[in-house]
C-alpha atoms as a PDB file:
ATOM      1  CA  MET A   1      -3.874   7.744  15.446  1.00  0.00           C
ATOM      2  CA  THR A   2      -1.249   5.265  14.307  1.00  0.00           C
ATOM      3  CA  SER A   3      -2.145   1.848  15.571  1.00  0.00           C
ATOM      4  CA  ASP A   4      -3.532  -0.844  12.914  1.00  0.00           C
ATOM      5  CA  ARG A   5      -4.685  -3.196  15.687  1.00  0.00           C
ATOM      6  CA  GLY A   6      -8.350  -4.543  15.459  1.00  0.00           C
ATOM      7  CA  GLU A   7      -9.577  -8.149  14.522  1.00  0.00           C
ATOM      8  CA  PRO A   8      -6.942 -10.129  12.717  1.00  0.00           C
ATOM      9  CA  PRO A   9      -7.129 -10.777   9.009  1.00  0.00           C
ATOM     10  CA  ALA A  10      -8.451 -14.173   8.044  1.00  0.00           C
ATOM     11  CA  ARG A  11      -5.273 -16.029   6.650  1.00  0.00           C
ATOM     12  CA  GLY A  12      -6.587 -17.535   3.474  1.00  0.00           C
ATOM     13  CA  ALA A  13      -4.436 -19.274   0.653  1.00  0.00           C
ATOM     14  CA  GLN A  14      -4.096 -15.792  -1.221  1.00  0.00           C
ATOM     15  CA  ARG A  15      -2.540 -13.967   2.071  1.00  0.00           C
ATOM     16  CA  VAL A  16      -0.463 -16.940   2.778  1.00  0.00           C
ATOM     17  CA  ALA A  17       0.905 -16.887  -0.849  1.00  0.00           C
ATOM     18  CA  VAL A  18       1.447 -13.083  -0.820  1.00  0.00           C
ATOM     19  CA  LEU A  19       3.394 -13.299   2.692  1.00  0.00           C
ATOM     20  CA  GLU A  20       5.395 -16.258   1.250  1.00  0.00           C
ATOM     21  CA  ARG A  21       6.652 -14.127  -1.875  1.00  0.00           C
ATOM     22  CA  VAL A  22       7.401 -11.304   0.703  1.00  0.00           C
ATOM     23  CA  ALA A  23       9.498 -13.546   2.753  1.00  0.00           C
ATOM     24  CA  ASP A  24      11.376 -14.966  -0.355  1.00  0.00           C
ATOM     25  CA  ALA A  25      12.338 -11.301  -0.983  1.00  0.00           C
ATOM     26  CA  VAL A  26      14.310 -10.870   2.223  1.00  0.00           C
ATOM     27  CA  PRO A  27      17.924 -10.828   1.535  1.00  0.00           C
ATOM     28  CA  ARG A  28      20.778 -12.505   3.480  1.00  0.00           C
ATOM     29  CA  LEU A  29      23.513  -9.872   4.465  1.00  0.00           C
ATOM     30  CA  PRO A  30      26.807 -11.016   5.821  1.00  0.00           C
ATOM     31  CA  GLY A  31      27.734  -8.999   9.045  1.00  0.00           C
ATOM     32  CA  ARG A  32      24.453  -7.432  10.248  1.00  0.00           C
ATOM     33  CA  ARG A  33      20.802  -8.342  10.548  1.00  0.00           C
ATOM     34  CA  VAL A  34      18.400  -7.388   7.502  1.00  0.00           C
ATOM     35  CA  ARG A  35      15.869  -4.458   8.150  1.00  0.00           C
ATOM     36  CA  VAL A  36      12.631  -4.701   6.620  1.00  0.00           C
ATOM     37  CA  ALA A  37       9.896  -1.955   6.730  1.00  0.00           C
ATOM     38  CA  VAL A  38       6.230  -2.226   6.173  1.00  0.00           C
ATOM     39  CA  ASP A  39       4.742   1.212   5.495  1.00  0.00           C
ATOM     40  CA  GLY A  40       1.180   2.359   4.543  1.00  0.00           C
ATOM     41  CA  ILE A  41      -1.320   4.751   5.528  1.00  0.00           C
ATOM     42  CA  ASP A  42      -3.170   4.853   9.026  1.00  0.00           C
ATOM     43  CA  GLY A  43      -5.532   1.492   8.919  1.00  0.00           C
ATOM     44  CA  ALA A  44      -3.605   0.118   5.915  1.00  0.00           C
ATOM     45  CA  GLY A  45      -2.912  -3.267   8.028  1.00  0.00           C
ATOM     46  CA  LYS A  46       0.687  -2.627   8.413  1.00  0.00           C
ATOM     47  CA  THR A  47       0.802  -4.209  12.030  1.00  0.00           C
ATOM     48  CA  TRP A  48      -0.834  -7.295  11.210  1.00  0.00           C
ATOM     49  CA  PHE A  49       0.997  -7.528   7.750  1.00  0.00           C
ATOM     50  CA  ALA A  50       4.362  -6.941   9.547  1.00  0.00           C
ATOM     51  CA  ASP A  51       3.415  -9.438  12.382  1.00  0.00           C
ATOM     52  CA  ASP A  52       2.812 -12.241   9.553  1.00  0.00           C
ATOM     53  CA  VAL A  53       5.741 -11.785   7.942  1.00  0.00           C
ATOM     54  CA  ALA A  54       7.769 -11.950  11.144  1.00  0.00           C
ATOM     55  CA  ARG A  55       6.038 -15.312  12.015  1.00  0.00           C
ATOM     56  CA  LEU A  56       6.879 -16.623   8.808  1.00  0.00           C
ATOM     57  CA  LEU A  57      10.416 -15.617   8.803  1.00  0.00           C
ATOM     58  CA  THR A  58      10.868 -17.137  12.134  1.00  0.00           C
ATOM     59  CA  ARG A  59       9.325 -20.593  10.819  1.00  0.00           C
ATOM     60  CA  ARG A  60      12.146 -20.284   8.413  1.00  0.00           C
ATOM     61  CA  GLY A  61      14.882 -20.109  10.854  1.00  0.00           C
ATOM     62  CA  TYR A  62      15.579 -16.451  10.940  1.00  0.00           C
ATOM     63  CA  ALA A  63      16.161 -14.578  14.615  1.00  0.00           C
ATOM     64  CA  VAL A  64      13.289 -11.854  14.134  1.00  0.00           C
ATOM     65  CA  GLN A  65      12.790  -8.873  16.006  1.00  0.00           C
ATOM     66  CA  ARG A  66       9.818  -6.696  15.848  1.00  0.00           C
ATOM     67  CA  LEU A  67       9.291  -3.057  16.057  1.00  0.00           C
ATOM     68  CA  SER A  68       6.872  -0.392  15.388  1.00  0.00           C
ATOM     69  CA  ILE A  69       7.366   3.233  14.982  1.00  0.00           C
ATOM     70  CA  ASP A  70       4.109   3.752  16.971  1.00  0.00           C
ATOM     71  CA  ASP A  71       6.345   3.088  20.105  1.00  0.00           C
ATOM     72  CA  PHE A  72       8.627   6.159  19.268  1.00  0.00           C
ATOM     73  CA  LEU A  73       6.074   9.118  19.204  1.00  0.00           C
ATOM     74  CA  ALA A  74       7.671  12.416  19.855  1.00  0.00           C
ATOM     75  CA  PRO A  75       6.803  14.439  23.064  1.00  0.00           C
ATOM     76  CA  THR A  76       3.004  16.043  23.079  1.00  0.00           C
ATOM     77  CA  VAL A  77       4.719  19.592  22.904  1.00  0.00           C
ATOM     78  CA  VAL A  78       6.446  18.694  19.918  1.00  0.00           C
ATOM     79  CA  ARG A  79       3.622  16.871  17.997  1.00  0.00           C
ATOM     80  CA  TYR A  80       1.270  19.705  18.485  1.00  0.00           C
ATOM     81  CA  ALA A  81       3.817  22.592  18.138  1.00  0.00           C
ATOM     82  CA  ARG A  82       2.213  23.344  14.858  1.00  0.00           C
ATOM     83  CA  GLY A  83      -1.333  23.172  16.341  1.00  0.00           C
ATOM     84  CA  ARG A  84      -3.337  20.358  17.167  1.00  0.00           C
ATOM     85  CA  ARG A  85      -5.022  19.992  13.698  1.00  0.00           C
ATOM     86  CA  SER A  86      -2.054  20.658  11.619  1.00  0.00           C
ATOM     87  CA  PRO A  87      -1.286  17.983   8.631  1.00  0.00           C
ATOM     88  CA  GLU A  88       2.199  19.368   8.650  1.00  0.00           C
ATOM     89  CA  GLY A  89       2.694  18.655  12.188  1.00  0.00           C
ATOM     90  CA  TYR A  90       1.238  15.096  11.961  1.00  0.00           C
ATOM     91  CA  TRP A  91       3.596  14.415   8.867  1.00  0.00           C
ATOM     92  CA  LEU A  92       6.679  16.111  10.174  1.00  0.00           C
ATOM     93  CA  ASP A  93       6.620  16.174  13.891  1.00  0.00           C
ATOM     94  CA  SER A  94       4.867  12.766  15.200  1.00  0.00           C
ATOM     95  CA  HIS A  95       8.111  10.715  15.813  1.00  0.00           C
ATOM     96  CA  ASP A  96      11.223  10.779  17.685  1.00  0.00           C
ATOM     97  CA  LEU A  97      13.367   9.728  14.640  1.00  0.00           C
ATOM     98  CA  PRO A  98      16.853   9.784  16.175  1.00  0.00           C
ATOM     99  CA  ARG A  99      15.555   7.405  18.840  1.00  0.00           C
ATOM    100  CA  PHE A 100      13.801   5.233  16.122  1.00  0.00           C
ATOM    101  CA  VAL A 101      16.999   5.193  13.990  1.00  0.00           C
ATOM    102  CA  ARG A 102      19.023   4.160  17.016  1.00  0.00           C
ATOM    103  CA  ALA A 103      16.834   1.374  17.607  1.00  0.00           C
ATOM    104  CA  VAL A 104      16.802   0.081  14.069  1.00  0.00           C
ATOM    105  CA  THR A 105      20.519   0.198  13.714  1.00  0.00           C
ATOM    106  CA  ALA A 106      21.296  -1.366  17.131  1.00  0.00           C
ATOM    107  CA  GLU A 107      22.507  -4.761  16.714  1.00  0.00           C
ATOM    108  CA  PRO A 108      21.034  -7.065  19.303  1.00  0.00           C
ATOM    109  CA  ALA A 109      23.720  -8.769  21.631  1.00  0.00           C
ATOM    110  CA  GLY A 110      24.182 -12.261  21.281  1.00  0.00           C
ATOM    111  CA  VAL A 111      22.538 -12.907  17.991  1.00  0.00           C
ATOM    112  CA  PRO A 112      24.717 -13.494  14.721  1.00  0.00           C
ATOM    113  CA  GLY A 113      23.892 -10.870  12.097  1.00  0.00           C
ATOM    114  CA  GLU A 114      23.704 -13.394   9.360  1.00  0.00           C
ATOM    115  CA  GLY A 115      19.935 -14.749   9.600  1.00  0.00           C
ATOM    116  CA  ALA A 116      18.842 -12.140  11.823  1.00  0.00           C
ATOM    117  CA  VAL A 117      15.867 -10.057  10.654  1.00  0.00           C
ATOM    118  CA  LEU A 118      14.333  -6.757  11.915  1.00  0.00           C
ATOM    119  CA  VAL A 119      10.940  -6.206  10.698  1.00  0.00           C
ATOM    120  CA  ALA A 120       9.561  -2.568  11.366  1.00  0.00           C
ATOM    121  CA  ASP A 121       6.154  -1.353  10.556  1.00  0.00           C
ATOM    122  CA  GLY A 122       4.651   2.127  10.787  1.00  0.00           C
ATOM    123  CA  ILE A 123       3.534   5.217   8.865  1.00  0.00           C
ATOM    124  CA  PHE A 124       5.954   7.491   6.875  1.00  0.00           C
ATOM    125  CA  LEU A 125       8.935   4.896   6.730  1.00  0.00           C
ATOM    126  CA  HIS A 126       9.813   5.966   3.421  1.00  0.00           C
ATOM    127  CA  ARG A 127      10.754   9.538   4.540  1.00  0.00           C
ATOM    128  CA  GLY A 128      14.169  10.965   3.785  1.00  0.00           C
ATOM    129  CA  GLU A 129      15.472  10.557   7.194  1.00  0.00           C
ATOM    130  CA  LEU A 130      14.838   6.808   7.212  1.00  0.00           C
ATOM    131  CA  GLN A 131      15.285   5.722   3.410  1.00  0.00           C
ATOM    132  CA  ASP A 132      18.845   4.417   3.880  1.00  0.00           C
ATOM    133  CA  LEU A 133      17.959   2.326   6.864  1.00  0.00           C
ATOM    134  CA  TRP A 134      16.030  -0.447   5.016  1.00  0.00           C
ATOM    135  CA  ASP A 135      17.350  -3.526   3.035  1.00  0.00           C
ATOM    136  CA  LEU A 136      13.751  -4.291   1.850  1.00  0.00           C
ATOM    137  CA  THR A 137      10.496  -1.934   1.890  1.00  0.00           C
ATOM    138  CA  ILE A 138       6.801  -3.011   1.360  1.00  0.00           C
ATOM    139  CA  PHE A 139       4.046  -0.452   1.043  1.00  0.00           C
ATOM    140  CA  LEU A 140       0.486  -1.412   1.790  1.00  0.00           C
ATOM    141  CA  ASP A 141      -1.725   0.193  -0.854  1.00  0.00           C
ATOM    142  CA  VAL A 142      -5.265   1.051   0.806  1.00  0.00           C
ATOM    143  CA  PRO A 143      -7.557   3.792  -0.479  1.00  0.00           C
ATOM    144  CA  PHE A 144      -8.346   6.371   2.321  1.00  0.00           C
ATOM    145  CA  PRO A 145     -12.345   5.249   2.540  1.00  0.00           C
ATOM    146  CA  VAL A 146     -11.303   1.764   3.042  1.00  0.00           C
ATOM    147  CA  ALA A 147      -8.586   2.448   5.792  1.00  0.00           C
ATOM    148  CA  PHE A 148     -10.966   5.114   7.550  1.00  0.00           C
ATOM    149  CA  ASP A 149     -13.625   2.576   7.683  1.00  0.00           C
ATOM    150  CA  ARG A 150     -11.691   0.359   9.329  1.00  0.00           C
ATOM    151  CA  LEU A 151     -10.222   2.688  11.911  1.00  0.00           C
ATOM    152  CA  SER A 152     -14.076   3.679  12.424  1.00  0.00           C
ATOM    153  CA  ARG A 153     -15.071   0.268  13.582  1.00  0.00           C
ATOM    154  CA  ARG A 154     -11.663  -0.154  15.564  1.00  0.00           C
ATOM    155  CA  ASP A 155     -11.581   3.246  17.082  1.00  0.00           C
ATOM    156  CA  GLY A 156     -15.191   4.893  16.877  1.00  0.00           C
ATOM    157  CA  ARG A 157     -13.915   7.597  14.578  1.00  0.00           C
ATOM    158  CA  PRO A 158     -15.776   9.099  11.775  1.00  0.00           C
ATOM    159  CA  ALA A 159     -15.296   6.881   8.582  1.00  0.00           C
ATOM    160  CA  ASP A 160     -15.244   9.674   6.384  1.00  0.00           C
ATOM    161  CA  PRO A 161     -11.576  10.697   5.658  1.00  0.00           C
ATOM    162  CA  GLU A 162     -12.859  14.185   4.929  1.00  0.00           C
ATOM    163  CA  ALA A 163     -14.383  14.704   8.518  1.00  0.00           C
ATOM    164  CA  ARG A 164     -13.255  17.407  10.202  1.00  0.00           C
ATOM    165  CA  GLU A 165     -11.773  15.016  13.105  1.00  0.00           C
ATOM    166  CA  ASN A 166      -9.630  13.258  10.326  1.00  0.00           C
ATOM    167  CA  LEU A 167      -8.190  16.141   8.204  1.00  0.00           C
ATOM    168  CA  ARG A 168      -5.023  16.131  10.383  1.00  0.00           C
ATOM    169  CA  TYR A 169      -4.276  12.762   9.576  1.00  0.00           C
ATOM    170  CA  THR A 170      -5.570  12.486   5.998  1.00  0.00           C
ATOM    171  CA  GLU A 171      -4.084  15.598   4.763  1.00  0.00           C
ATOM    172  CA  GLY A 172      -0.714  14.954   6.670  1.00  0.00           C
ATOM    173  CA  GLN A 173      -0.690  11.602   4.952  1.00  0.00           C
ATOM    174  CA  ARG A 174      -1.458  13.168   1.622  1.00  0.00           C
ATOM    175  CA  LEU A 175       1.496  15.599   2.184  1.00  0.00           C
ATOM    176  CA  TYR A 176       3.877  12.462   2.650  1.00  0.00           C
ATOM    177  CA  LEU A 177       2.522  10.595  -0.449  1.00  0.00           C
ATOM    178  CA  ALA A 178       2.916  13.587  -2.636  1.00  0.00           C
ATOM    179  CA  GLU A 179       6.269  14.443  -1.342  1.00  0.00           C
ATOM    180  CA  ARG A 180       7.701  10.905  -1.015  1.00  0.00           C
ATOM    181  CA  ASP A 181       5.552   8.809  -3.587  1.00  0.00           C
ATOM    182  CA  PRO A 182       6.409   5.588  -1.271  1.00  0.00           C
ATOM    183  CA  ALA A 183       4.627   3.106  -3.843  1.00  0.00           C
ATOM    184  CA  LYS A 184       7.399   4.081  -6.350  1.00  0.00           C
ATOM    185  CA  ARG A 185      10.232   4.126  -3.881  1.00  0.00           C
ATOM    186  CA  ALA A 186       9.264   0.682  -2.278  1.00  0.00           C
ATOM    187  CA  ASN A 187      10.638  -2.699  -3.283  1.00  0.00           C
ATOM    188  CA  LEU A 188       7.379  -4.307  -3.050  1.00  0.00           C
ATOM    189  CA  VAL A 189       3.874  -3.007  -3.210  1.00  0.00           C
ATOM    190  CA  VAL A 190       0.694  -5.137  -1.819  1.00  0.00           C
ATOM    191  CA  ASP A 191      -2.648  -3.980  -2.634  1.00  0.00           C
ATOM    192  CA  ASN A 192      -4.153  -4.656   0.909  1.00  0.00           C
ATOM    193  CA  THR A 193      -7.501  -3.467   0.429  1.00  0.00           C
ATOM    194  CA  ASP A 194      -8.866  -6.964   1.179  1.00  0.00           C
ATOM    195  CA  PHE A 195      -7.265  -8.252   4.122  1.00  0.00           C
ATOM    196  CA  SER A 196      -7.876 -11.847   3.348  1.00  0.00           C
ATOM    197  CA  ASN A 197      -6.696 -11.422  -0.358  1.00  0.00           C
ATOM    198  CA  PRO A 198      -3.964  -9.278  -0.756  1.00  0.00           C
ATOM    199  CA  THR A 199      -2.386  -8.866  -4.167  1.00  0.00           C
ATOM    200  CA  LEU A 200       1.334  -8.371  -4.544  1.00  0.00           C
ATOM    201  CA  ILE A 201       2.281  -5.949  -7.606  1.00  0.00           C
ATOM    202  CA  ARG A 202       5.351  -7.314  -9.236  1.00  0.00           C
ATOM    203  CA  ARG A 203       8.427  -5.188  -8.642  1.00  0.00           C
ATOM    204  CA  ARG A 204       9.965  -6.270 -11.873  1.00  0.00           C
ATOM    205  CA  VAL A 205       7.050  -4.792 -13.897  1.00  0.00           C
ATOM    206  CA  ALA A 206       6.910  -1.665 -11.875  1.00  0.00           C
ATOM    207  CA  GLY A 207      10.798  -1.336 -12.688  1.00  0.00           C
ATOM    208  CA  LEU A 208      10.392  -1.322 -16.606  1.00  0.00           C
ATOM    209  CA  PRO A 209      11.354   1.864 -18.089  1.00  0.00           C
ATOM    210  CA  ASN A 210       8.175   2.318 -19.983  1.00  0.00           C
ATOM    211  CA  VAL A 211       5.781   1.300 -17.262  1.00  0.00           C
ATOM    212  CA  GLU A 212       4.350   3.671 -14.673  1.00  0.00           C
ATOM    213  CA  LEU A 213       2.003   2.408 -12.052  1.00  0.00           C
ATOM    214  CA  ARG A 214      -1.030   4.908 -10.956  1.00  0.00           C
ATOM    215  CA  LEU A 215      -1.717   3.332  -7.697  1.00  0.00           C
ATOM    216  CA  ALA A 216      -4.897   4.407  -5.842  1.00  0.00           C
ATOM    217  CA  ARG A 217      -6.401   6.059  -8.985  1.00  0.00           C
ATOM    218  CA  GLU A 218      -9.642   5.486 -10.442  1.00  0.00           C
ATOM    219  CA  ALA A 219     -10.900   5.568 -14.110  1.00  0.00           C
ATOM    220  CA  THR A 220     -13.727   7.773 -14.286  1.00  0.00           C
ATOM    221  CA  GLY A 221     -14.445   8.140 -17.900  1.00  0.00           C
ATOM    222  CA  LEU A 222     -13.053   8.065 -21.752  1.00  0.00           C
ATOM    223  CA  VAL A 223     -11.429  11.182 -23.412  1.00  0.00           C
ATOM    224  CA  LEU A 224     -12.618  11.878 -26.968  1.00  0.00           C
ATOM    225  CA  ASP A 225     -10.634  13.419 -29.800  1.00  0.00           C
ATOM    226  CA  GLY A 226     -11.895  13.966 -33.319  1.00  0.00           C
ATOM    227  CA  GLY A 227     -13.923  10.940 -33.047  1.00  0.00           C
ATOM    228  CA  ARG A 228     -11.720   8.393 -31.310  1.00  0.00           C
ATOM    229  CA  VAL A 229     -10.742   7.582 -27.903  1.00  0.00           C
ATOM    230  CA  ALA A 230      -7.906   9.233 -26.831  1.00  0.00           C
ATOM    231  CA  GLY A 231      -7.388   8.725 -23.379  1.00  0.00           C
ATOM    232  CA  VAL A 232      -8.833   8.180 -19.739  1.00  0.00           C
ATOM    233  CA  ARG A 233      -9.917  10.503 -17.132  1.00  0.00           C
ATOM    234  CA  THR A 234      -8.841   9.506 -13.575  1.00  0.00           C
ATOM    235  CA  PHE A 235      -9.464  10.469 -10.125  1.00  0.00           C
ATOM    236  CA  GLY A 236      -6.931  10.113  -7.262  1.00  0.00           C
ATOM    237  CA  ARG A 237      -8.548   8.389  -4.411  1.00  0.00           C
ATOM    238  CA  GLN A 238      -6.010   9.854  -1.832  1.00  0.00           C
ATOM    239  CA  GLN A 239      -4.659  13.010  -3.575  1.00  0.00           C
ATOM    240  CA  ARG A 240      -8.500  14.032  -4.488  1.00  0.00           C
ATOM    241  CA  ASP A 241      -7.101  15.132  -7.709  1.00  0.00           C
ATOM    242  CA  GLU A 242      -8.453  14.676 -11.253  1.00  0.00           C
ATOM    243  CA  VAL A 243      -5.788  13.572 -14.063  1.00  0.00           C
ATOM    244  CA  THR A 244      -6.346  12.973 -17.691  1.00  0.00           C
ATOM    245  CA  LEU A 245      -4.030  10.192 -19.070  1.00  0.00           C
ATOM    246  CA  ASP A 246      -3.312  10.680 -23.057  1.00  0.00           C
ATOM    247  CA  ALA A 247      -2.898   7.366 -24.815  1.00  0.00           C
ATOM    248  CA  ASP A 248      -2.853   6.000 -28.511  1.00  0.00           C
ATOM    249  CA  LEU A 249      -4.422   2.744 -27.248  1.00  0.00           C
ATOM    250  CA  VAL A 250      -6.805   2.131 -24.109  1.00  0.00           C
ATOM    251  CA  LEU A 251      -7.266  -1.389 -22.743  1.00  0.00           C
ATOM    252  CA  ASP A 252     -10.119  -2.231 -20.235  1.00  0.00           C
ATOM    253  CA  ALA A 253      -9.228  -5.163 -17.992  1.00  0.00           C
ATOM    254  CA  GLY A 254     -12.023  -4.632 -15.846  1.00  0.00           C
ATOM    255  CA  GLY A 255     -13.626  -7.871 -16.645  1.00  0.00           C
ATOM    256  CA  ARG A 256     -17.324  -8.341 -15.893  1.00  0.00           C
ATOM    257  CA  GLY A 257     -17.417  -5.009 -13.838  1.00  0.00           C
ATOM    258  CA  SER A 258     -16.043  -3.004 -16.864  1.00  0.00           C
ATOM    259  CA  ARG A 259     -17.703   0.402 -17.157  1.00  0.00           C
ATOM    260  CA  THR A 260     -16.504   0.816 -20.791  1.00  0.00           C
ATOM    261  CA  PRO A 261     -19.859  -0.108 -22.333  1.00  0.00           C
ATOM    262  CA  ALA A 262     -21.440   2.835 -20.234  1.00  0.00           C
ATOM    263  CA  TRP A 263     -18.765   5.368 -20.939  1.00  0.00           C
ATOM    264  CA  LEU A 264     -19.072   4.586 -24.933  1.00  0.00           C
ATOM    265  CA  ALA A 265     -22.955   4.916 -24.394  1.00  0.00           C
ATOM    266  CA  GLU A 266     -22.375   8.411 -22.984  1.00  0.00           C
ATOM    267  CA  LEU A 267     -20.183   9.319 -25.841  1.00  0.00           C
ATOM    268  CA  GLY A 268     -22.698   8.352 -28.364  1.00  0.00           C
ATOM    269  CA  TYR A 269     -21.700   5.208 -29.329  1.00  0.00           C
ATOM    270  CA  PRO A 270     -24.202   2.273 -30.025  1.00  0.00           C
ATOM    271  CA  ALA A 271     -24.021  -0.537 -27.359  1.00  0.00           C
ATOM    272  CA  VAL A 272     -21.023  -3.089 -27.618  1.00  0.00           C
ATOM    273  CA  PRO A 273     -21.856  -6.378 -28.592  1.00  0.00           C
ATOM    274  CA  GLN A 274     -21.261  -8.870 -26.017  1.00  0.00           C
ATOM    275  CA  THR A 275     -20.255 -12.748 -26.473  1.00  0.00           C
ATOM    276  CA  GLU A 276     -20.917 -15.386 -23.544  1.00  0.00           C
ATOM    277  CA  VAL A 277     -18.912 -18.425 -23.254  1.00  0.00           C
ATOM    278  CA  ILE A 278     -20.317 -21.217 -21.176  1.00  0.00           C
ATOM    279  CA  VAL A 279     -17.706 -23.491 -19.722  1.00  0.00           C
ATOM    280  CA  THR A 280     -19.125 -26.915 -19.332  1.00  0.00           C
ATOM    281  CA  ARG A 281     -15.773 -28.574 -18.077  1.00  0.00           C
ATOM    282  CA  VAL A 282     -13.428 -27.348 -15.605  1.00  0.00           C
ATOM    283  CA  ARG A 283     -10.498 -29.290 -17.165  1.00  0.00           C
ATOM    284  CA  ASP A 284     -11.001 -27.032 -20.543  1.00  0.00           C
ATOM    285  CA  LEU A 285     -10.757 -24.042 -18.661  1.00  0.00           C
ATOM    286  CA  LEU A 286      -7.556 -25.082 -16.878  1.00  0.00           C
ATOM    287  CA  THR A 287      -6.097 -26.207 -19.962  1.00  0.00           C
ATOM    288  CA  ASN A 288      -6.858 -23.034 -22.103  1.00  0.00           C
ATOM    289  CA  ARG A 289      -9.014 -25.153 -24.447  1.00  0.00           C
ATOM    290  CA  ILE A 290     -12.424 -23.607 -24.419  1.00  0.00           C
END
């Protein structure tokens, strides 16, 4: 269960803008082609995203080759040696890695290295055996429920990631996420929850020494200590764990969907006063003069 194929995503302005930013990040290397990897869990939209990146790079004049690790599966006897429902088998034994590495590193005949790009997609592309292959890596961040809903509509599988039929894949990918932390290793992280409106998480921000991104983690409540808010309770949508984040200051950027008023009410605080601003002129809004 590794293919992302299904209905192609709508290519709206937001998706095009993110793809342009990804293409801008592709380096030019003298002497050999550039290797780009698009990683993510099953159903993250890797194949469509990689296809769109390749298409854009071709329009920019690159000589582009596409590759998918889906085409390098290990023999059945190897894939299921640990058992047909083994998460470890899915994570460790699904692919013929030596054959994949040879395909990635082989320079195409008759194509000059400079200006050539290989765009590969697939699961587990940040594993240790492959980490030194890539010049640019993109991780598509999508919650398991969203990804498995896509897989259900495409393949007819149960939409619940915790369904018995899905546990080999769900738990195998959780092992990968826990061991390799691909979102932290990737050069670029894209929230691809909405196919048509992906969001690029800027690598420069993620690289700041005092900034840590907690992807696929949902805030579920506030922590009170001595009458003051001292942190946030969170739930990992992929790891399925609960973690408390201590903080001297908690900022909520949830906008209209903010749950902070409800959380404060649960802790016994009075209702938070709200101010409504009515914008009468678009020009005022765009120039920050409201």
